[in-house]
Amino acid sequence: MAVAAGRNGKITIHTSDATAEVVAEMGSWSITGPTRNMIEVSAFGDTIPRQEITTLTGQTITFEGYYDGTSTAMLSLVATLSAGTPIYPSTEFAGYPSHLSLWAQDDITLPGYGHWAFSTNGTTVLDGLIYMTNMELGQSKDGVGTISFTAAVEGADLKWFTTT
């Protein structure tokens, strides 16, 4: 990937059909993970000082910007969090939010064009779900409202794409 200026970045989601909608007023996003966790399993009387097992957790997504109560995509994310339902990997799940994409650059003529999303295996989307896990709203007397989201990626990891 060539270096991308954030000016043309965005976050898109299909709220209920095959049309991608921009989550309005977002200003930054990040993906972390996967992460390897070390879990101590030592017990009283063990002769080895410390025993551990490892587990692998999936990716975490965070994004934030300004609150826009008219953004269908933003309201869909809030509803998904409240309902505890996932964001599906593809639009084949009609009527549910799907295909969340984190764009570094959406202008194909500029360096860094592409986005992070679930990968496909030919025509089949690999297993993976995104669960919204947290939302924070903020407001100050001398500023505009802010919103931030955190989401957990379950199953397959998000991959880099240079095609839509």
N, C-alpha and C. Protein backbone atom coordinates (compact mmCIF):
# COMPACT_ATOMS: atom_id res chain seq x y z
N MET A 1 0.85 -1.17 0.00
CA MET A 1 0.00 0.00 0.00
C MET A 1 0.89 1.23 0.00
N ALA A 2 0.59 2.16 -0.87
CA ALA A 2 1.28 3.45 -0.84
C ALA A 2 0.72 4.26 0.31
N VAL A 3 1.50 5.21 0.78
CA VAL A 3 1.05 6.07 1.88
C VAL A 3 -0.19 6.82 1.44
N ALA A 4 -1.20 6.87 2.30
CA ALA A 4 -2.46 7.53 1.97
C ALA A 4 -2.70 8.71 2.89
N ALA A 5 -3.11 9.83 2.30
CA ALA A 5 -3.54 10.97 3.11
C ALA A 5 -4.96 10.68 3.60
N GLY A 6 -5.24 11.00 4.83
CA GLY A 6 -6.53 10.68 5.42
C GLY A 6 -7.71 11.48 4.91
N ARG A 7 -7.46 12.49 4.09
CA ARG A 7 -8.53 13.35 3.61
C ARG A 7 -9.65 12.58 2.92
N ASN A 8 -9.33 11.53 2.22
CA ASN A 8 -10.33 10.75 1.50
C ASN A 8 -10.68 9.43 2.17
N GLY A 9 -10.37 9.30 3.45
CA GLY A 9 -10.76 8.11 4.19
C GLY A 9 -12.24 8.15 4.54
N LYS A 10 -12.79 7.01 4.85
CA LYS A 10 -14.20 6.95 5.26
C LYS A 10 -14.50 5.58 5.82
N ILE A 11 -15.69 5.44 6.40
CA ILE A 11 -16.19 4.16 6.88
C ILE A 11 -17.53 3.95 6.22
N THR A 12 -17.71 2.79 5.59
CA THR A 12 -18.99 2.49 4.94
C THR A 12 -19.59 1.22 5.52
N ILE A 13 -20.91 1.14 5.44
CA ILE A 13 -21.64 -0.04 5.88
C ILE A 13 -22.90 -0.15 5.04
N HIS A 14 -23.31 -1.36 4.77
CA HIS A 14 -24.60 -1.61 4.13
C HIS A 14 -25.60 -1.74 5.27
N THR A 15 -26.53 -0.78 5.39
CA THR A 15 -27.42 -0.78 6.54
C THR A 15 -28.48 -1.86 6.47
N SER A 16 -29.07 -2.10 5.31
CA SER A 16 -30.09 -3.15 5.22
C SER A 16 -30.22 -3.73 3.81
N ASP A 17 -29.49 -3.20 2.86
CA ASP A 17 -29.56 -3.73 1.49
C ASP A 17 -28.17 -3.66 0.86
N ALA A 18 -28.11 -3.66 -0.45
CA ALA A 18 -26.83 -3.73 -1.15
C ALA A 18 -26.20 -2.36 -1.39
N THR A 19 -26.71 -1.32 -0.80
CA THR A 19 -26.17 0.02 -1.00
C THR A 19 -25.27 0.40 0.16
N ALA A 20 -24.02 0.74 -0.15
CA ALA A 20 -23.09 1.16 0.90
C ALA A 20 -23.39 2.60 1.30
N GLU A 21 -23.45 2.84 2.60
CA GLU A 21 -23.67 4.19 3.12
C GLU A 21 -22.45 4.59 3.94
N VAL A 22 -22.09 5.85 3.85
CA VAL A 22 -20.98 6.39 4.62
C VAL A 22 -21.47 6.68 6.04
N VAL A 23 -20.71 6.25 7.04
CA VAL A 23 -20.99 6.63 8.42
C VAL A 23 -20.55 8.08 8.53
N ALA A 24 -21.51 9.00 8.62
CA ALA A 24 -21.24 10.43 8.53
C ALA A 24 -20.35 10.94 9.65
N GLU A 25 -19.56 11.94 9.32
CA GLU A 25 -18.80 12.75 10.28
C GLU A 25 -17.70 12.00 11.03
N MET A 26 -17.24 10.87 10.53
CA MET A 26 -16.15 10.17 11.19
C MET A 26 -14.83 10.83 10.82
N GLY A 27 -13.88 10.86 11.76
CA GLY A 27 -12.61 11.52 11.52
C GLY A 27 -11.39 10.63 11.68
N SER A 28 -11.56 9.45 12.29
CA SER A 28 -10.43 8.53 12.43
C SER A 28 -10.93 7.12 12.67
N TRP A 29 -10.11 6.14 12.29
CA TRP A 29 -10.40 4.74 12.60
C TRP A 29 -9.09 4.02 12.83
N SER A 30 -9.17 2.89 13.55
CA SER A 30 -7.98 2.05 13.74
C SER A 30 -8.41 0.61 13.91
N ILE A 31 -7.48 -0.28 13.57
CA ILE A 31 -7.68 -1.72 13.76
C ILE A 31 -6.50 -2.22 14.58
N THR A 32 -6.77 -2.97 15.65
CA THR A 32 -5.70 -3.59 16.41
C THR A 32 -5.90 -5.10 16.43
N GLY A 33 -4.84 -5.81 16.64
CA GLY A 33 -4.92 -7.26 16.74
C GLY A 33 -4.68 -7.94 15.42
N PRO A 34 -4.76 -9.24 15.42
CA PRO A 34 -5.13 -10.10 16.54
C PRO A 34 -4.09 -10.04 17.66
N THR A 35 -4.52 -10.48 18.83
CA THR A 35 -3.69 -10.40 20.03
C THR A 35 -3.56 -11.77 20.67
N ARG A 36 -2.34 -12.11 21.07
CA ARG A 36 -2.12 -13.37 21.78
C ARG A 36 -2.13 -13.07 23.27
N ASN A 37 -3.02 -13.71 24.00
CA ASN A 37 -3.13 -13.54 25.45
C ASN A 37 -2.45 -14.70 26.16
N MET A 38 -1.76 -14.38 27.24
CA MET A 38 -1.15 -15.40 28.09
C MET A 38 -2.00 -15.51 29.34
N ILE A 39 -2.52 -16.70 29.60
CA ILE A 39 -3.39 -16.93 30.76
C ILE A 39 -2.66 -17.84 31.74
N GLU A 40 -2.48 -17.35 32.95
CA GLU A 40 -1.80 -18.15 33.96
C GLU A 40 -2.75 -19.25 34.46
N VAL A 41 -2.24 -20.48 34.53
CA VAL A 41 -3.05 -21.61 35.01
C VAL A 41 -2.34 -22.34 36.16
N SER A 42 -1.41 -21.65 36.82
CA SER A 42 -0.72 -22.25 37.97
C SER A 42 -1.70 -22.48 39.11
N ALA A 43 -1.41 -23.48 39.90
CA ALA A 43 -2.26 -23.79 41.05
C ALA A 43 -1.37 -23.97 42.29
N PHE A 44 -1.99 -23.96 43.45
CA PHE A 44 -1.24 -24.20 44.68
C PHE A 44 -0.48 -25.51 44.56
N GLY A 45 0.76 -25.51 44.98
CA GLY A 45 1.55 -26.73 45.03
C GLY A 45 2.24 -27.10 43.73
N ASP A 46 2.05 -26.33 42.65
CA ASP A 46 2.75 -26.65 41.40
C ASP A 46 4.25 -26.52 41.60
N THR A 47 5.02 -27.46 41.03
CA THR A 47 6.47 -27.41 41.16
C THR A 47 7.08 -26.44 40.15
N ILE A 48 6.41 -26.18 39.07
CA ILE A 48 6.89 -25.19 38.10
C ILE A 48 6.38 -23.84 38.58
N PRO A 49 7.25 -22.83 38.63
CA PRO A 49 6.84 -21.55 39.20
C PRO A 49 5.61 -20.92 38.54
N ARG A 50 5.48 -21.02 37.25
CA ARG A 50 4.34 -20.39 36.59
C ARG A 50 4.00 -21.18 35.33
N GLN A 51 2.75 -21.56 35.20
CA GLN A 51 2.30 -22.24 33.99
C GLN A 51 1.32 -21.33 33.27
N GLU A 52 1.42 -21.31 31.96
CA GLU A 52 0.54 -20.45 31.16
C GLU A 52 0.06 -21.19 29.93
N ILE A 53 -1.11 -20.79 29.47
CA ILE A 53 -1.61 -21.24 28.17
C ILE A 53 -1.85 -19.98 27.35
N THR A 54 -1.88 -20.13 26.05
CA THR A 54 -2.10 -18.96 25.19
C THR A 54 -3.46 -19.07 24.50
N THR A 55 -4.05 -17.93 24.29
CA THR A 55 -5.27 -17.84 23.48
C THR A 55 -5.06 -16.70 22.50
N LEU A 56 -5.79 -16.76 21.42
CA LEU A 56 -5.69 -15.73 20.39
C LEU A 56 -7.03 -15.02 20.30
N THR A 57 -7.02 -13.70 20.47
CA THR A 57 -8.24 -12.93 20.31
C THR A 57 -8.20 -12.23 18.97
N GLY A 58 -9.37 -11.92 18.44
CA GLY A 58 -9.47 -11.30 17.12
C GLY A 58 -9.12 -9.83 17.14
N GLN A 59 -9.39 -9.20 16.02
CA GLN A 59 -9.11 -7.79 15.86
C GLN A 59 -10.14 -6.93 16.60
N THR A 60 -9.73 -5.73 16.94
CA THR A 60 -10.62 -4.73 17.51
C THR A 60 -10.60 -3.51 16.61
N ILE A 61 -11.77 -2.95 16.37
CA ILE A 61 -11.90 -1.76 15.53
C ILE A 61 -12.37 -0.61 16.41
N THR A 62 -11.78 0.55 16.24
CA THR A 62 -12.28 1.75 16.89
C THR A 62 -12.41 2.84 15.83
N PHE A 63 -13.44 3.66 15.95
CA PHE A 63 -13.57 4.83 15.08
C PHE A 63 -14.35 5.90 15.80
N GLU A 64 -14.07 7.14 15.41
CA GLU A 64 -14.68 8.25 16.12
C GLU A 64 -14.84 9.46 15.22
N GLY A 65 -15.72 10.34 15.63
CA GLY A 65 -15.95 11.57 14.88
C GLY A 65 -17.00 12.41 15.58
N TYR A 66 -17.79 13.12 14.78
CA TYR A 66 -18.83 13.99 15.31
C TYR A 66 -20.18 13.32 15.20
N TYR A 67 -21.01 13.50 16.20
CA TYR A 67 -22.33 12.88 16.22
C TYR A 67 -23.24 13.54 15.19
N ASP A 68 -23.92 12.71 14.38
CA ASP A 68 -24.89 13.17 13.40
C ASP A 68 -26.13 12.29 13.51
N GLY A 69 -27.14 12.78 14.19
CA GLY A 69 -28.36 12.01 14.41
C GLY A 69 -29.19 11.77 13.17
N THR A 70 -28.78 12.32 12.02
CA THR A 70 -29.50 12.07 10.76
C THR A 70 -28.81 11.01 9.91
N SER A 71 -27.66 10.52 10.34
CA SER A 71 -26.91 9.52 9.58
C SER A 71 -27.53 8.14 9.78
N THR A 72 -28.12 7.60 8.73
CA THR A 72 -28.73 6.26 8.80
C THR A 72 -27.70 5.22 9.20
N ALA A 73 -26.49 5.35 8.67
CA ALA A 73 -25.44 4.37 8.98
C ALA A 73 -25.04 4.46 10.45
N MET A 74 -24.93 5.68 11.00
CA MET A 74 -24.56 5.84 12.40
C MET A 74 -25.65 5.28 13.31
N LEU A 75 -26.89 5.59 13.00
CA LEU A 75 -28.01 5.09 13.80
C LEU A 75 -28.11 3.57 13.71
N SER A 76 -27.75 3.00 12.57
CA SER A 76 -27.74 1.54 12.41
C SER A 76 -26.70 0.91 13.33
N LEU A 77 -25.54 1.54 13.47
CA LEU A 77 -24.50 1.02 14.37
C LEU A 77 -24.96 1.06 15.82
N VAL A 78 -25.64 2.14 16.21
CA VAL A 78 -26.17 2.25 17.57
C VAL A 78 -27.22 1.17 17.81
N ALA A 79 -28.12 0.96 16.84
CA ALA A 79 -29.17 -0.06 16.98
C ALA A 79 -28.56 -1.46 17.05
N THR A 80 -27.52 -1.70 16.27
CA THR A 80 -26.84 -3.00 16.28
C THR A 80 -26.23 -3.27 17.66
N LEU A 81 -25.60 -2.25 18.23
CA LEU A 81 -25.03 -2.39 19.57
C LEU A 81 -26.12 -2.69 20.59
N SER A 82 -27.21 -1.94 20.54
CA SER A 82 -28.31 -2.12 21.51
C SER A 82 -28.94 -3.50 21.40
N ALA A 83 -29.08 -4.00 20.17
CA ALA A 83 -29.71 -5.30 19.96
C ALA A 83 -28.77 -6.48 20.20
N GLY A 84 -27.46 -6.22 20.19
CA GLY A 84 -26.49 -7.30 20.37
C GLY A 84 -26.36 -8.19 19.15
N THR A 85 -26.79 -7.70 18.00
CA THR A 85 -26.68 -8.47 16.76
C THR A 85 -25.40 -8.10 16.03
N PRO A 86 -24.88 -9.00 15.19
CA PRO A 86 -23.62 -8.71 14.50
C PRO A 86 -23.82 -7.90 13.22
N ILE A 87 -22.71 -7.38 12.74
CA ILE A 87 -22.64 -6.85 11.38
C ILE A 87 -22.10 -8.01 10.55
N TYR A 88 -22.84 -8.41 9.55
CA TYR A 88 -22.49 -9.59 8.77
C TYR A 88 -21.41 -9.28 7.73
N PRO A 89 -20.71 -10.32 7.24
CA PRO A 89 -19.60 -10.10 6.32
C PRO A 89 -20.01 -9.71 4.91
N SER A 90 -21.25 -9.99 4.52
CA SER A 90 -21.65 -9.67 3.15
C SER A 90 -23.12 -9.28 3.12
N THR A 91 -23.55 -8.79 1.98
CA THR A 91 -24.93 -8.32 1.81
C THR A 91 -25.92 -9.45 1.60
N GLU A 92 -25.46 -10.71 1.63
CA GLU A 92 -26.39 -11.82 1.45
C GLU A 92 -27.35 -11.97 2.63
N PHE A 93 -27.08 -11.26 3.74
CA PHE A 93 -27.96 -11.28 4.90
C PHE A 93 -28.88 -10.07 4.81
N ALA A 94 -29.84 -10.13 3.90
CA ALA A 94 -30.73 -9.00 3.62
C ALA A 94 -31.46 -8.55 4.88
N GLY A 95 -31.58 -7.24 5.04
CA GLY A 95 -32.28 -6.67 6.16
C GLY A 95 -31.42 -6.43 7.39
N TYR A 96 -30.15 -6.84 7.35
CA TYR A 96 -29.24 -6.65 8.48
C TYR A 96 -28.04 -5.83 8.04
N PRO A 97 -27.43 -5.07 8.96
CA PRO A 97 -26.21 -4.35 8.60
C PRO A 97 -25.13 -5.34 8.17
N SER A 98 -24.36 -4.95 7.15
CA SER A 98 -23.34 -5.85 6.64
C SER A 98 -22.21 -5.06 5.98
N HIS A 99 -21.16 -5.77 5.68
CA HIS A 99 -20.04 -5.31 4.88
C HIS A 99 -19.45 -3.99 5.36
N LEU A 100 -19.01 -3.95 6.61
CA LEU A 100 -18.33 -2.77 7.14
C LEU A 100 -16.97 -2.67 6.47
N SER A 101 -16.65 -1.49 5.92
CA SER A 101 -15.36 -1.26 5.28
C SER A 101 -14.72 -0.01 5.84
N LEU A 102 -13.43 -0.10 6.13
CA LEU A 102 -12.65 1.02 6.65
C LEU A 102 -11.71 1.48 5.55
N TRP A 103 -12.02 2.61 4.95
CA TRP A 103 -11.29 3.12 3.80
C TRP A 103 -10.13 4.01 4.23
N ALA A 104 -8.94 3.72 3.69
CA ALA A 104 -7.79 4.60 3.88
C ALA A 104 -7.85 5.74 2.87
N GLN A 105 -8.31 5.42 1.68
CA GLN A 105 -8.34 6.36 0.56
C GLN A 105 -9.41 5.88 -0.41
N ASP A 106 -10.37 6.74 -0.77
CA ASP A 106 -11.43 6.28 -1.68
C ASP A 106 -11.31 6.85 -3.09
N ASP A 107 -10.19 7.51 -3.40
CA ASP A 107 -9.96 8.05 -4.74
C ASP A 107 -8.96 7.15 -5.45
N ILE A 108 -9.44 6.41 -6.44
CA ILE A 108 -8.60 5.41 -7.12
C ILE A 108 -7.41 6.02 -7.84
N THR A 109 -7.46 7.31 -8.13
CA THR A 109 -6.36 7.96 -8.85
C THR A 109 -5.23 8.39 -7.93
N LEU A 110 -5.41 8.28 -6.62
CA LEU A 110 -4.39 8.72 -5.68
C LEU A 110 -3.72 7.54 -4.99
N PRO A 111 -2.48 7.73 -4.51
CA PRO A 111 -1.78 6.65 -3.79
C PRO A 111 -2.55 6.24 -2.54
N GLY A 112 -2.46 4.97 -2.20
CA GLY A 112 -3.08 4.47 -0.97
C GLY A 112 -4.53 4.07 -1.11
N TYR A 113 -5.05 4.01 -2.36
CA TYR A 113 -6.45 3.63 -2.57
C TYR A 113 -6.69 2.24 -2.00
N GLY A 114 -7.76 2.07 -1.21
CA GLY A 114 -8.13 0.76 -0.71
C GLY A 114 -8.83 0.83 0.63
N HIS A 115 -9.25 -0.35 1.09
CA HIS A 115 -10.00 -0.44 2.34
C HIS A 115 -9.76 -1.78 3.01
N TRP A 116 -10.11 -1.85 4.31
CA TRP A 116 -10.06 -3.07 5.09
C TRP A 116 -11.48 -3.61 5.19
N ALA A 117 -11.65 -4.90 4.92
CA ALA A 117 -12.95 -5.56 5.01
C ALA A 117 -12.71 -7.06 5.13
N PHE A 118 -13.80 -7.83 5.24
CA PHE A 118 -13.64 -9.29 5.25
C PHE A 118 -13.24 -9.76 3.87
N SER A 119 -12.35 -10.75 3.81
CA SER A 119 -11.89 -11.27 2.54
C SER A 119 -12.87 -12.28 1.98
N THR A 120 -12.71 -12.53 0.71
CA THR A 120 -13.55 -13.53 0.05
C THR A 120 -12.68 -14.66 -0.47
N ASN A 121 -13.29 -15.79 -0.67
CA ASN A 121 -12.65 -16.97 -1.21
C ASN A 121 -13.31 -17.20 -2.56
N GLY A 122 -12.86 -16.50 -3.58
CA GLY A 122 -13.55 -16.53 -4.86
C GLY A 122 -14.82 -15.71 -4.74
N THR A 123 -15.96 -16.39 -4.70
CA THR A 123 -17.23 -15.67 -4.57
C THR A 123 -17.85 -15.82 -3.18
N THR A 124 -17.26 -16.67 -2.33
CA THR A 124 -17.81 -16.92 -1.00
C THR A 124 -17.09 -16.08 0.04
N VAL A 125 -17.86 -15.38 0.85
CA VAL A 125 -17.26 -14.60 1.94
C VAL A 125 -16.88 -15.55 3.06
N LEU A 126 -15.66 -15.42 3.55
CA LEU A 126 -15.21 -16.27 4.65
C LEU A 126 -15.97 -15.90 5.92
N ASP A 127 -16.04 -16.84 6.84
CA ASP A 127 -16.77 -16.61 8.08
C ASP A 127 -16.15 -15.49 8.88
N GLY A 128 -16.98 -14.62 9.36
CA GLY A 128 -16.53 -13.54 10.21
C GLY A 128 -17.70 -12.65 10.55
N LEU A 129 -17.71 -12.14 11.76
CA LEU A 129 -18.76 -11.23 12.21
C LEU A 129 -18.10 -10.08 12.94
N ILE A 130 -18.79 -8.95 12.96
CA ILE A 130 -18.33 -7.80 13.73
C ILE A 130 -19.42 -7.47 14.73
N TYR A 131 -19.04 -7.39 15.99
CA TYR A 131 -19.98 -7.01 17.06
C TYR A 131 -19.59 -5.64 17.59
N MET A 132 -20.54 -4.72 17.59
CA MET A 132 -20.32 -3.43 18.23
C MET A 132 -20.27 -3.70 19.73
N THR A 133 -19.23 -3.22 20.41
CA THR A 133 -19.07 -3.51 21.84
C THR A 133 -19.18 -2.27 22.72
N ASN A 134 -19.02 -1.09 22.15
CA ASN A 134 -19.08 0.11 22.97
C ASN A 134 -19.36 1.34 22.10
N MET A 135 -20.05 2.30 22.68
CA MET A 135 -20.28 3.58 22.06
C MET A 135 -20.19 4.64 23.14
N GLU A 136 -19.55 5.75 22.84
CA GLU A 136 -19.47 6.86 23.78
C GLU A 136 -19.89 8.14 23.07
N LEU A 137 -20.77 8.89 23.71
CA LEU A 137 -21.19 10.20 23.22
C LEU A 137 -20.60 11.26 24.12
N GLY A 138 -20.26 12.42 23.54
CA GLY A 138 -19.74 13.51 24.35
C GLY A 138 -20.24 14.84 23.83
N GLN A 139 -20.31 15.80 24.71
CA GLN A 139 -20.74 17.15 24.34
C GLN A 139 -20.11 18.13 25.29
N SER A 140 -19.61 19.24 24.78
CA SER A 140 -19.13 20.32 25.63
C SER A 140 -19.89 21.59 25.28
N LYS A 141 -19.85 22.56 26.17
CA LYS A 141 -20.62 23.79 25.95
C LYS A 141 -20.07 24.61 24.79
N ASP A 142 -18.82 24.41 24.45
CA ASP A 142 -18.23 25.21 23.38
C ASP A 142 -17.79 24.37 22.18
N GLY A 143 -18.44 23.23 21.97
CA GLY A 143 -18.06 22.37 20.85
C GLY A 143 -19.24 21.57 20.32
N VAL A 144 -18.96 20.77 19.33
CA VAL A 144 -20.00 19.92 18.75
C VAL A 144 -19.98 18.55 19.42
N GLY A 145 -21.07 17.82 19.28
CA GLY A 145 -21.17 16.49 19.86
C GLY A 145 -20.20 15.52 19.21
N THR A 146 -19.64 14.63 20.01
CA THR A 146 -18.71 13.62 19.50
C THR A 146 -19.29 12.24 19.75
N ILE A 147 -18.81 11.27 18.97
CA ILE A 147 -19.22 9.88 19.15
C ILE A 147 -18.02 9.00 18.84
N SER A 148 -17.88 7.91 19.57
CA SER A 148 -16.85 6.92 19.27
C SER A 148 -17.45 5.53 19.41
N PHE A 149 -16.94 4.63 18.60
CA PHE A 149 -17.41 3.24 18.59
C PHE A 149 -16.22 2.31 18.76
N THR A 150 -16.48 1.17 19.40
CA THR A 150 -15.52 0.07 19.46
C THR A 150 -16.25 -1.18 19.01
N ALA A 151 -15.56 -2.01 18.24
CA ALA A 151 -16.17 -3.24 17.74
C ALA A 151 -15.15 -4.38 17.81
N ALA A 152 -15.66 -5.59 17.99
CA ALA A 152 -14.83 -6.79 18.02
C ALA A 152 -15.06 -7.60 16.75
N VAL A 153 -13.96 -8.03 16.12
CA VAL A 153 -14.04 -8.86 14.93
C VAL A 153 -13.92 -10.31 15.38
N GLU A 154 -14.88 -11.12 14.99
CA GLU A 154 -14.92 -12.53 15.39
C GLU A 154 -14.80 -13.40 14.15
N GLY A 155 -14.03 -14.47 14.25
CA GLY A 155 -13.85 -15.37 13.11
C GLY A 155 -12.70 -14.90 12.25
N ALA A 156 -12.93 -14.69 10.97
CA ALA A 156 -11.89 -14.24 10.05
C ALA A 156 -11.46 -12.81 10.37
N ASP A 157 -10.21 -12.48 10.06
CA ASP A 157 -9.72 -11.11 10.25
C ASP A 157 -10.04 -10.26 9.02
N LEU A 158 -10.10 -8.95 9.23
CA LEU A 158 -10.26 -8.02 8.12
C LEU A 158 -8.98 -8.02 7.30
N LYS A 159 -9.10 -7.87 5.99
CA LYS A 159 -7.96 -7.86 5.07
C LYS A 159 -7.97 -6.59 4.25
N TRP A 160 -6.82 -6.26 3.63
CA TRP A 160 -6.66 -5.07 2.79
C TRP A 160 -7.09 -5.37 1.36
N PHE A 161 -7.89 -4.47 0.78
CA PHE A 161 -8.36 -4.62 -0.60
C PHE A 161 -8.12 -3.33 -1.38
N THR A 162 -7.83 -3.49 -2.65
CA THR A 162 -7.70 -2.33 -3.55
C THR A 162 -8.79 -2.36 -4.62
N THR A 163 -9.84 -3.13 -4.38
CA THR A 163 -11.00 -3.16 -5.26
C THR A 163 -12.24 -3.02 -4.38
N THR A 164 -13.37 -2.61 -4.97
CA THR A 164 -14.58 -2.44 -4.20
C THR A 164 -15.36 -3.72 -4.09
